[in-house]
Amino acid sequence: MPEALIGARAVHFASTAMVFGVVLFRFQIAEPAFRQAAASILAAKTNYLRELSWIFWISLALAVFSGAMWLVLVAANISNEPILVTVSDGTLWTVLTQTQIGIVWIVRLILAALLASWLLFDPDYKSAFRSGWPPIFCAAFFMGSLAWSGHAGGTPGIDGDVHVASDFVHLIAA
């Protein structure tokens, strides 16, 4: 089971980084470039943005799925029981609702839902999200909130606060 946990974490970190990277690239690189591009390049904009949204959707789906697997595997590891027992006996629910890592996953799922709804309801980015800052901040917190699910989140006191803050900034900068 440790290999599965390592794999779930690796996929989760990579897909979360892709989500943040796509959102940041979309609004801070691609959009300004398209505004300054020649008319001939603008014809390719729709196809390009469609392909970029596919990367976003696949990455977000992988992040949600691998995050769920990570949580299930952590719960199974805590209970020292097989996965099916962990899910059926309420251990997973306890981990989800009564531990810091569980609360972090709930918050992260809400952030993922906000990002998904942003793309679903505004695929052409014509609403208030045109500036890009709301989805960028949402994606940044989606990435940075991983700080509370690792060693930094388990460090108590002021040292823990500094550890989480530096890990949060490190994750976003990565």
N, C-alpha and C. Protein backbone atom coordinates (compact mmCIF):
# COMPACT_ATOMS: atom_id res chain seq x y z
N MET A 1 0.80 -1.21 0.00
CA MET A 1 0.00 0.00 0.00
C MET A 1 0.85 1.28 0.00
N PRO A 2 2.06 1.27 0.55
CA PRO A 2 2.87 2.51 0.50
C PRO A 2 3.13 2.97 -0.94
N GLU A 3 3.32 2.00 -1.86
CA GLU A 3 3.57 2.38 -3.26
C GLU A 3 2.35 3.07 -3.85
N ALA A 4 1.16 2.57 -3.52
CA ALA A 4 -0.07 3.19 -4.02
C ALA A 4 -0.21 4.61 -3.47
N LEU A 5 0.11 4.80 -2.20
CA LEU A 5 0.03 6.12 -1.59
C LEU A 5 1.02 7.07 -2.24
N ILE A 6 2.22 6.60 -2.48
CA ILE A 6 3.23 7.43 -3.15
C ILE A 6 2.76 7.79 -4.56
N GLY A 7 2.20 6.81 -5.27
CA GLY A 7 1.70 7.06 -6.62
C GLY A 7 0.56 8.06 -6.64
N ALA A 8 -0.38 7.90 -5.71
CA ALA A 8 -1.52 8.84 -5.65
C ALA A 8 -1.03 10.24 -5.35
N ARG A 9 -0.09 10.38 -4.43
CA ARG A 9 0.44 11.70 -4.11
C ARG A 9 1.16 12.31 -5.30
N ALA A 10 1.96 11.50 -6.00
CA ALA A 10 2.71 12.01 -7.16
C ALA A 10 1.77 12.50 -8.25
N VAL A 11 0.75 11.69 -8.57
CA VAL A 11 -0.22 12.10 -9.58
C VAL A 11 -0.96 13.35 -9.12
N HIS A 12 -1.29 13.39 -7.84
CA HIS A 12 -2.04 14.54 -7.32
C HIS A 12 -1.21 15.83 -7.40
N PHE A 13 0.03 15.76 -6.97
CA PHE A 13 0.87 16.96 -7.04
C PHE A 13 1.05 17.41 -8.48
N ALA A 14 1.32 16.47 -9.40
CA ALA A 14 1.55 16.83 -10.80
C ALA A 14 0.28 17.41 -11.43
N SER A 15 -0.86 16.78 -11.21
CA SER A 15 -2.09 17.27 -11.83
C SER A 15 -2.53 18.61 -11.22
N THR A 16 -2.32 18.78 -9.93
CA THR A 16 -2.64 20.07 -9.30
C THR A 16 -1.76 21.18 -9.85
N ALA A 17 -0.49 20.87 -10.04
CA ALA A 17 0.43 21.85 -10.64
C ALA A 17 0.01 22.19 -12.07
N MET A 18 -0.47 21.19 -12.81
CA MET A 18 -0.95 21.44 -14.17
C MET A 18 -2.17 22.36 -14.17
N VAL A 19 -3.10 22.12 -13.24
CA VAL A 19 -4.29 22.98 -13.14
C VAL A 19 -3.87 24.42 -12.92
N PHE A 20 -3.02 24.64 -11.93
CA PHE A 20 -2.57 26.00 -11.63
C PHE A 20 -1.79 26.58 -12.81
N GLY A 21 -0.93 25.78 -13.41
CA GLY A 21 -0.13 26.25 -14.53
C GLY A 21 -0.96 26.65 -15.74
N VAL A 22 -1.98 25.84 -16.05
CA VAL A 22 -2.85 26.16 -17.19
C VAL A 22 -3.62 27.45 -16.94
N VAL A 23 -4.16 27.59 -15.74
CA VAL A 23 -4.93 28.81 -15.43
C VAL A 23 -4.01 30.03 -15.47
N LEU A 24 -2.86 29.93 -14.87
CA LEU A 24 -1.92 31.05 -14.86
C LEU A 24 -1.46 31.39 -16.27
N PHE A 25 -1.11 30.36 -17.04
CA PHE A 25 -0.67 30.58 -18.42
C PHE A 25 -1.78 31.22 -19.25
N ARG A 26 -3.00 30.73 -19.07
CA ARG A 26 -4.13 31.22 -19.86
C ARG A 26 -4.31 32.73 -19.72
N PHE A 27 -4.24 33.20 -18.48
CA PHE A 27 -4.56 34.62 -18.24
C PHE A 27 -3.34 35.53 -18.21
N GLN A 28 -2.18 35.02 -17.89
CA GLN A 28 -1.02 35.88 -17.78
C GLN A 28 -0.11 35.84 -19.00
N ILE A 29 -0.21 34.79 -19.82
CA ILE A 29 0.65 34.68 -21.00
C ILE A 29 -0.19 34.68 -22.28
N ALA A 30 -1.09 33.71 -22.41
CA ALA A 30 -1.83 33.54 -23.67
C ALA A 30 -2.74 34.73 -23.97
N GLU A 31 -3.53 35.13 -22.99
CA GLU A 31 -4.49 36.21 -23.24
C GLU A 31 -3.80 37.51 -23.65
N PRO A 32 -2.76 37.97 -22.94
CA PRO A 32 -2.07 39.18 -23.41
C PRO A 32 -1.43 39.00 -24.79
N ALA A 33 -0.92 37.80 -25.07
CA ALA A 33 -0.30 37.56 -26.38
C ALA A 33 -1.35 37.63 -27.49
N PHE A 34 -2.52 37.06 -27.24
CA PHE A 34 -3.58 37.12 -28.26
C PHE A 34 -4.08 38.54 -28.48
N ARG A 35 -4.05 39.36 -27.42
CA ARG A 35 -4.48 40.75 -27.59
C ARG A 35 -3.54 41.52 -28.51
N GLN A 36 -2.27 41.13 -28.53
CA GLN A 36 -1.29 41.84 -29.35
C GLN A 36 -1.00 41.14 -30.67
N ALA A 37 -1.61 39.99 -30.91
CA ALA A 37 -1.31 39.18 -32.09
C ALA A 37 -1.94 39.76 -33.35
N ALA A 38 -1.37 39.35 -34.45
CA ALA A 38 -1.91 39.74 -35.75
C ALA A 38 -3.21 38.98 -36.00
N ALA A 39 -4.01 39.48 -36.93
CA ALA A 39 -5.32 38.88 -37.23
C ALA A 39 -5.18 37.43 -37.68
N SER A 40 -4.11 37.09 -38.39
CA SER A 40 -3.94 35.72 -38.87
C SER A 40 -3.76 34.74 -37.71
N ILE A 41 -3.13 35.17 -36.65
CA ILE A 41 -2.92 34.31 -35.48
C ILE A 41 -4.20 34.19 -34.68
N LEU A 42 -5.00 35.22 -34.66
CA LEU A 42 -6.24 35.20 -33.88
C LEU A 42 -7.21 34.12 -34.35
N ALA A 43 -7.12 33.73 -35.61
CA ALA A 43 -7.98 32.66 -36.11
C ALA A 43 -7.70 31.34 -35.40
N ALA A 44 -6.50 31.14 -34.94
CA ALA A 44 -6.12 29.90 -34.25
C ALA A 44 -6.44 29.95 -32.76
N LYS A 45 -6.86 31.10 -32.28
CA LYS A 45 -7.10 31.28 -30.85
C LYS A 45 -8.14 30.30 -30.32
N THR A 46 -9.24 30.13 -31.01
CA THR A 46 -10.32 29.26 -30.54
C THR A 46 -9.84 27.82 -30.38
N ASN A 47 -9.13 27.32 -31.40
CA ASN A 47 -8.59 25.95 -31.31
C ASN A 47 -7.59 25.82 -30.18
N TYR A 48 -6.75 26.81 -30.07
CA TYR A 48 -5.73 26.77 -29.01
C TYR A 48 -6.37 26.76 -27.63
N LEU A 49 -7.34 27.61 -27.41
CA LEU A 49 -8.01 27.67 -26.11
C LEU A 49 -8.80 26.40 -25.83
N ARG A 50 -9.34 25.78 -26.86
CA ARG A 50 -10.05 24.52 -26.68
C ARG A 50 -9.07 23.44 -26.21
N GLU A 51 -7.90 23.38 -26.83
CA GLU A 51 -6.89 22.40 -26.43
C GLU A 51 -6.39 22.69 -25.01
N LEU A 52 -6.23 23.95 -24.69
CA LEU A 52 -5.81 24.32 -23.34
C LEU A 52 -6.87 23.92 -22.32
N SER A 53 -8.14 24.06 -22.68
CA SER A 53 -9.19 23.66 -21.74
C SER A 53 -9.22 22.15 -21.55
N TRP A 54 -8.87 21.38 -22.58
CA TRP A 54 -8.77 19.93 -22.41
C TRP A 54 -7.69 19.58 -21.39
N ILE A 55 -6.56 20.25 -21.46
CA ILE A 55 -5.49 20.02 -20.48
C ILE A 55 -6.01 20.35 -19.08
N PHE A 56 -6.73 21.45 -18.98
CA PHE A 56 -7.30 21.85 -17.69
C PHE A 56 -8.23 20.77 -17.16
N TRP A 57 -9.19 20.32 -18.00
CA TRP A 57 -10.19 19.34 -17.55
C TRP A 57 -9.56 18.02 -17.15
N ILE A 58 -8.63 17.54 -17.95
CA ILE A 58 -7.97 16.27 -17.62
C ILE A 58 -7.17 16.42 -16.34
N SER A 59 -6.46 17.51 -16.20
CA SER A 59 -5.67 17.74 -14.98
C SER A 59 -6.55 17.87 -13.76
N LEU A 60 -7.66 18.59 -13.88
CA LEU A 60 -8.56 18.76 -12.75
C LEU A 60 -9.20 17.42 -12.36
N ALA A 61 -9.62 16.64 -13.35
CA ALA A 61 -10.20 15.33 -13.05
C ALA A 61 -9.17 14.42 -12.37
N LEU A 62 -7.95 14.43 -12.86
CA LEU A 62 -6.89 13.64 -12.22
C LEU A 62 -6.60 14.13 -10.80
N ALA A 63 -6.63 15.43 -10.60
CA ALA A 63 -6.39 15.97 -9.26
C ALA A 63 -7.48 15.54 -8.29
N VAL A 64 -8.72 15.60 -8.72
CA VAL A 64 -9.83 15.19 -7.84
C VAL A 64 -9.75 13.70 -7.56
N PHE A 65 -9.56 12.89 -8.61
CA PHE A 65 -9.50 11.44 -8.43
C PHE A 65 -8.31 11.02 -7.57
N SER A 66 -7.12 11.54 -7.88
CA SER A 66 -5.94 11.16 -7.11
C SER A 66 -6.01 11.70 -5.69
N GLY A 67 -6.64 12.85 -5.49
CA GLY A 67 -6.84 13.37 -4.13
C GLY A 67 -7.75 12.47 -3.32
N ALA A 68 -8.81 11.98 -3.96
CA ALA A 68 -9.72 11.04 -3.29
C ALA A 68 -8.99 9.75 -2.95
N MET A 69 -8.20 9.26 -3.90
CA MET A 69 -7.43 8.03 -3.64
C MET A 69 -6.43 8.24 -2.51
N TRP A 70 -5.78 9.39 -2.49
CA TRP A 70 -4.83 9.71 -1.44
C TRP A 70 -5.52 9.68 -0.09
N LEU A 71 -6.68 10.29 0.01
CA LEU A 71 -7.44 10.32 1.26
C LEU A 71 -7.86 8.91 1.69
N VAL A 72 -8.34 8.11 0.76
CA VAL A 72 -8.75 6.74 1.08
C VAL A 72 -7.54 5.93 1.56
N LEU A 73 -6.42 6.08 0.88
CA LEU A 73 -5.21 5.33 1.26
C LEU A 73 -4.68 5.77 2.62
N VAL A 74 -4.76 7.06 2.91
CA VAL A 74 -4.34 7.55 4.24
C VAL A 74 -5.26 6.97 5.31
N ALA A 75 -6.56 6.96 5.06
CA ALA A 75 -7.50 6.40 6.03
C ALA A 75 -7.24 4.92 6.25
N ALA A 76 -6.97 4.19 5.18
CA ALA A 76 -6.65 2.77 5.30
C ALA A 76 -5.35 2.57 6.07
N ASN A 77 -4.39 3.43 5.84
CA ASN A 77 -3.12 3.36 6.55
C ASN A 77 -3.31 3.65 8.04
N ILE A 78 -4.13 4.63 8.37
CA ILE A 78 -4.40 4.97 9.77
C ILE A 78 -5.10 3.82 10.48
N SER A 79 -6.09 3.23 9.81
CA SER A 79 -6.88 2.16 10.44
C SER A 79 -6.20 0.81 10.37
N ASN A 80 -5.17 0.71 9.52
CA ASN A 80 -4.46 -0.55 9.32
C ASN A 80 -5.43 -1.65 8.87
N GLU A 81 -6.41 -1.26 8.07
CA GLU A 81 -7.42 -2.18 7.52
C GLU A 81 -7.40 -2.07 6.00
N PRO A 82 -7.93 -3.08 5.31
CA PRO A 82 -8.05 -2.98 3.86
C PRO A 82 -8.95 -1.80 3.45
N ILE A 83 -8.78 -1.36 2.23
CA ILE A 83 -9.51 -0.19 1.75
C ILE A 83 -11.02 -0.37 1.87
N LEU A 84 -11.55 -1.51 1.46
CA LEU A 84 -13.00 -1.72 1.51
C LEU A 84 -13.52 -1.63 2.94
N VAL A 85 -12.77 -2.15 3.90
CA VAL A 85 -13.19 -2.07 5.30
C VAL A 85 -13.14 -0.62 5.76
N THR A 86 -12.09 0.07 5.39
CA THR A 86 -11.94 1.48 5.78
C THR A 86 -13.10 2.33 5.28
N VAL A 87 -13.54 2.07 4.06
CA VAL A 87 -14.64 2.83 3.49
C VAL A 87 -15.96 2.44 4.15
N SER A 88 -16.16 1.15 4.37
CA SER A 88 -17.47 0.68 4.87
C SER A 88 -17.66 0.84 6.37
N ASP A 89 -16.58 0.88 7.14
CA ASP A 89 -16.76 0.95 8.61
C ASP A 89 -16.79 2.37 9.16
N GLY A 90 -16.73 3.37 8.31
CA GLY A 90 -16.84 4.75 8.76
C GLY A 90 -15.51 5.43 9.03
N THR A 91 -14.41 4.70 8.91
CA THR A 91 -13.10 5.30 9.16
C THR A 91 -12.83 6.45 8.18
N LEU A 92 -13.15 6.22 6.92
CA LEU A 92 -12.93 7.27 5.91
C LEU A 92 -13.72 8.53 6.26
N TRP A 93 -14.97 8.37 6.67
CA TRP A 93 -15.79 9.53 7.04
C TRP A 93 -15.18 10.25 8.24
N THR A 94 -14.67 9.51 9.21
CA THR A 94 -14.05 10.10 10.39
C THR A 94 -12.81 10.89 9.99
N VAL A 95 -11.98 10.30 9.13
CA VAL A 95 -10.78 11.00 8.67
C VAL A 95 -11.17 12.25 7.89
N LEU A 96 -12.20 12.15 7.07
CA LEU A 96 -12.63 13.29 6.25
C LEU A 96 -13.18 14.43 7.10
N THR A 97 -13.92 14.12 8.14
CA THR A 97 -14.63 15.17 8.89
C THR A 97 -13.98 15.57 10.21
N GLN A 98 -13.02 14.77 10.70
CA GLN A 98 -12.49 15.06 12.03
C GLN A 98 -10.97 15.17 12.09
N THR A 99 -10.34 15.28 10.93
CA THR A 99 -8.89 15.48 10.93
C THR A 99 -8.56 16.68 10.06
N GLN A 100 -7.38 17.22 10.27
CA GLN A 100 -6.95 18.38 9.48
C GLN A 100 -6.85 18.01 8.00
N ILE A 101 -6.28 16.86 7.71
CA ILE A 101 -6.14 16.49 6.29
C ILE A 101 -7.51 16.34 5.64
N GLY A 102 -8.50 15.82 6.37
CA GLY A 102 -9.84 15.69 5.83
C GLY A 102 -10.48 17.03 5.54
N ILE A 103 -10.35 17.96 6.47
CA ILE A 103 -10.91 19.31 6.28
C ILE A 103 -10.22 19.99 5.10
N VAL A 104 -8.91 19.80 4.98
CA VAL A 104 -8.19 20.37 3.84
C VAL A 104 -8.73 19.81 2.54
N TRP A 105 -9.03 18.50 2.50
CA TRP A 105 -9.56 17.91 1.27
C TRP A 105 -10.95 18.44 0.96
N ILE A 106 -11.74 18.69 1.96
CA ILE A 106 -13.06 19.29 1.70
C ILE A 106 -12.90 20.67 1.07
N VAL A 107 -12.02 21.47 1.64
CA VAL A 107 -11.75 22.82 1.09
C VAL A 107 -11.22 22.70 -0.33
N ARG A 108 -10.32 21.76 -0.56
CA ARG A 108 -9.73 21.59 -1.89
C ARG A 108 -10.78 21.13 -2.90
N LEU A 109 -11.71 20.30 -2.46
CA LEU A 109 -12.79 19.87 -3.35
C LEU A 109 -13.68 21.05 -3.73
N ILE A 110 -13.93 21.93 -2.77
CA ILE A 110 -14.71 23.13 -3.05
C ILE A 110 -13.98 24.02 -4.06
N LEU A 111 -12.66 24.16 -3.88
CA LEU A 111 -11.87 24.95 -4.83
C LEU A 111 -11.90 24.33 -6.22
N ALA A 112 -11.82 23.00 -6.29
CA ALA A 112 -11.90 22.31 -7.58
C ALA A 112 -13.26 22.54 -8.23
N ALA A 113 -14.32 22.50 -7.42
CA ALA A 113 -15.66 22.75 -7.95
C ALA A 113 -15.79 24.18 -8.47
N LEU A 114 -15.20 25.14 -7.76
CA LEU A 114 -15.23 26.53 -8.23
C LEU A 114 -14.50 26.66 -9.56
N LEU A 115 -13.34 26.02 -9.68
CA LEU A 115 -12.60 26.08 -10.94
C LEU A 115 -13.38 25.42 -12.06
N ALA A 116 -14.00 24.28 -11.77
CA ALA A 116 -14.79 23.59 -12.79
C ALA A 116 -15.99 24.43 -13.22
N SER A 117 -16.67 25.04 -12.27
CA SER A 117 -17.83 25.85 -12.63
C SER A 117 -17.42 27.09 -13.41
N TRP A 118 -16.25 27.63 -13.10
CA TRP A 118 -15.74 28.76 -13.88
C TRP A 118 -15.62 28.38 -15.34
N LEU A 119 -15.08 27.21 -15.64
CA LEU A 119 -14.91 26.81 -17.03
C LEU A 119 -16.23 26.36 -17.66
N LEU A 120 -17.06 25.70 -16.89
CA LEU A 120 -18.35 25.23 -17.43
C LEU A 120 -19.28 26.38 -17.80
N PHE A 121 -19.38 27.35 -16.92
CA PHE A 121 -20.35 28.41 -17.12
C PHE A 121 -19.80 29.62 -17.85
N ASP A 122 -18.50 29.65 -18.07
CA ASP A 122 -17.91 30.77 -18.78
C ASP A 122 -16.77 30.27 -19.68
N PRO A 123 -17.07 29.37 -20.62
CA PRO A 123 -16.00 28.77 -21.43
C PRO A 123 -15.25 29.76 -22.31
N ASP A 124 -15.88 30.85 -22.65
CA ASP A 124 -15.21 31.85 -23.49
C ASP A 124 -14.64 33.01 -22.67
N TYR A 125 -14.74 32.90 -21.35
CA TYR A 125 -14.14 33.89 -20.44
C TYR A 125 -14.65 35.29 -20.71
N LYS A 126 -15.97 35.43 -20.88
CA LYS A 126 -16.54 36.73 -21.20
C LYS A 126 -17.17 37.43 -19.99
N SER A 127 -17.18 36.80 -18.84
CA SER A 127 -17.84 37.38 -17.68
C SER A 127 -16.84 38.16 -16.83
N ALA A 128 -17.13 38.22 -15.57
CA ALA A 128 -16.27 38.93 -14.62
C ALA A 128 -14.89 38.30 -14.52
N PHE A 129 -14.76 37.05 -15.00
CA PHE A 129 -13.46 36.38 -14.93
C PHE A 129 -12.51 36.80 -16.04
N ARG A 130 -12.96 37.72 -16.87
CA ARG A 130 -12.13 38.14 -18.01
C ARG A 130 -10.74 38.59 -17.56
N SER A 131 -10.67 39.23 -16.41
CA SER A 131 -9.36 39.65 -15.91
C SER A 131 -8.51 38.47 -15.51
N GLY A 132 -9.15 37.35 -15.19
CA GLY A 132 -8.41 36.16 -14.81
C GLY A 132 -8.05 36.05 -13.36
N TRP A 133 -8.15 37.13 -12.61
CA TRP A 133 -7.70 37.07 -11.22
C TRP A 133 -8.50 36.14 -10.32
N PRO A 134 -9.83 36.08 -10.42
CA PRO A 134 -10.54 35.12 -9.56
C PRO A 134 -10.12 33.66 -9.80
N PRO A 135 -10.08 33.18 -11.06
CA PRO A 135 -9.63 31.80 -11.22
C PRO A 135 -8.15 31.60 -10.90
N ILE A 136 -7.34 32.62 -11.11
CA ILE A 136 -5.91 32.50 -10.76
C ILE A 136 -5.77 32.34 -9.25
N PHE A 137 -6.46 33.17 -8.47
CA PHE A 137 -6.40 33.04 -7.01
C PHE A 137 -6.95 31.70 -6.55
N CYS A 138 -8.05 31.27 -7.16
CA CYS A 138 -8.65 29.98 -6.80
C CYS A 138 -7.68 28.83 -7.10
N ALA A 139 -7.06 28.85 -8.27
CA ALA A 139 -6.09 27.82 -8.63
C ALA A 139 -4.84 27.88 -7.75
N ALA A 140 -4.43 29.10 -7.39
CA ALA A 140 -3.27 29.25 -6.50
C ALA A 140 -3.56 28.65 -5.12
N PHE A 141 -4.75 28.89 -4.59
CA PHE A 141 -5.10 28.31 -3.31
C PHE A 141 -5.29 26.80 -3.43
N PHE A 142 -5.77 26.34 -4.57
CA PHE A 142 -5.88 24.90 -4.81
C PHE A 142 -4.49 24.26 -4.73
N MET A 143 -3.51 24.90 -5.34
CA MET A 143 -2.13 24.40 -5.30
C MET A 143 -1.52 24.58 -3.92
N GLY A 144 -1.61 25.77 -3.37
CA GLY A 144 -0.96 26.08 -2.10
C GLY A 144 -1.54 25.36 -0.91
N SER A 145 -2.82 24.99 -0.99
CA SER A 145 -3.45 24.32 0.15
C SER A 145 -2.88 22.93 0.40
N LEU A 146 -2.09 22.43 -0.52
CA LEU A 146 -1.39 21.17 -0.27
C LEU A 146 -0.44 21.29 0.92
N ALA A 147 -0.07 22.51 1.27
CA ALA A 147 0.84 22.72 2.41
C ALA A 147 0.27 22.16 3.71
N TRP A 148 -1.05 22.19 3.85
CA TRP A 148 -1.66 21.70 5.09
C TRP A 148 -1.80 20.18 5.13
N SER A 149 -1.52 19.51 4.03
CA SER A 149 -1.67 18.06 4.00
C SER A 149 -0.36 17.32 4.15
N GLY A 150 0.71 18.03 4.32
CA GLY A 150 2.02 17.40 4.47
C GLY A 150 2.62 17.67 5.84
N HIS A 151 3.92 17.55 5.91
CA HIS A 151 4.63 17.74 7.18
C HIS A 151 4.42 19.14 7.75
N ALA A 152 4.34 20.12 6.86
CA ALA A 152 4.16 21.50 7.34
C ALA A 152 2.86 21.63 8.12
N GLY A 153 1.82 20.97 7.67
CA GLY A 153 0.53 21.04 8.34
C GLY A 153 0.52 20.37 9.69
N GLY A 154 1.47 19.49 9.93
CA GLY A 154 1.53 18.77 11.20
C GLY A 154 2.44 19.40 12.23
N THR A 155 3.09 20.49 11.88
CA THR A 155 4.00 21.16 12.81
C THR A 155 3.21 22.12 13.69
N PRO A 156 3.26 21.95 15.01
CA PRO A 156 2.46 22.82 15.90
C PRO A 156 3.09 24.19 16.14
N GLY A 157 2.26 25.12 16.60
CA GLY A 157 2.73 26.43 17.06
C GLY A 157 3.16 27.36 15.95
N ILE A 158 3.92 28.38 16.36
CA ILE A 158 4.40 29.41 15.43
C ILE A 158 5.34 28.81 14.39
N ASP A 159 6.11 27.80 14.81
CA ASP A 159 6.98 27.13 13.84
C ASP A 159 6.15 26.50 12.73
N GLY A 160 5.02 25.92 13.11
CA GLY A 160 4.13 25.33 12.12
C GLY A 160 3.53 26.36 11.19
N ASP A 161 3.17 27.51 11.74
CA ASP A 161 2.62 28.57 10.90
C ASP A 161 3.63 29.05 9.86
N VAL A 162 4.87 29.22 10.30
CA VAL A 162 5.94 29.63 9.38
C VAL A 162 6.18 28.53 8.35
N HIS A 163 6.19 27.29 8.82
CA HIS A 163 6.41 26.14 7.94
C HIS A 163 5.31 26.06 6.87
N VAL A 164 4.05 26.21 7.28
CA VAL A 164 2.93 26.16 6.32
C VAL A 164 3.02 27.33 5.35
N ALA A 165 3.28 28.53 5.86
CA ALA A 165 3.36 29.71 4.99
C ALA A 165 4.47 29.55 3.95
N SER A 166 5.63 29.07 4.38
CA SER A 166 6.74 28.91 3.43
C SER A 166 6.45 27.78 2.45
N ASP A 167 5.81 26.72 2.91
CA ASP A 167 5.45 25.62 2.02
C ASP A 167 4.40 26.08 1.01
N PHE A 168 3.43 26.88 1.46
CA PHE A 168 2.38 27.43 0.60
C PHE A 168 3.03 28.25 -0.54
N VAL A 169 3.92 29.14 -0.18
CA VAL A 169 4.60 29.98 -1.18
C VAL A 169 5.46 29.11 -2.10
N HIS A 170 6.14 28.13 -1.52
CA HIS A 170 6.98 27.23 -2.31
C HIS A 170 6.15 26.46 -3.35
N LEU A 171 5.00 25.96 -2.94
CA LEU A 171 4.14 25.22 -3.87
C LEU A 171 3.65 26.10 -5.00
N ILE A 172 3.26 27.32 -4.70
CA ILE A 172 2.78 28.23 -5.75
C ILE A 172 3.93 28.61 -6.68
N ALA A 173 5.11 28.83 -6.13
CA ALA A 173 6.26 29.22 -6.94
C ALA A 173 6.72 28.07 -7.84
N ALA A 174 6.53 26.85 -7.37
CA ALA A 174 6.96 25.69 -8.18
C ALA A 174 6.17 25.65 -9.46
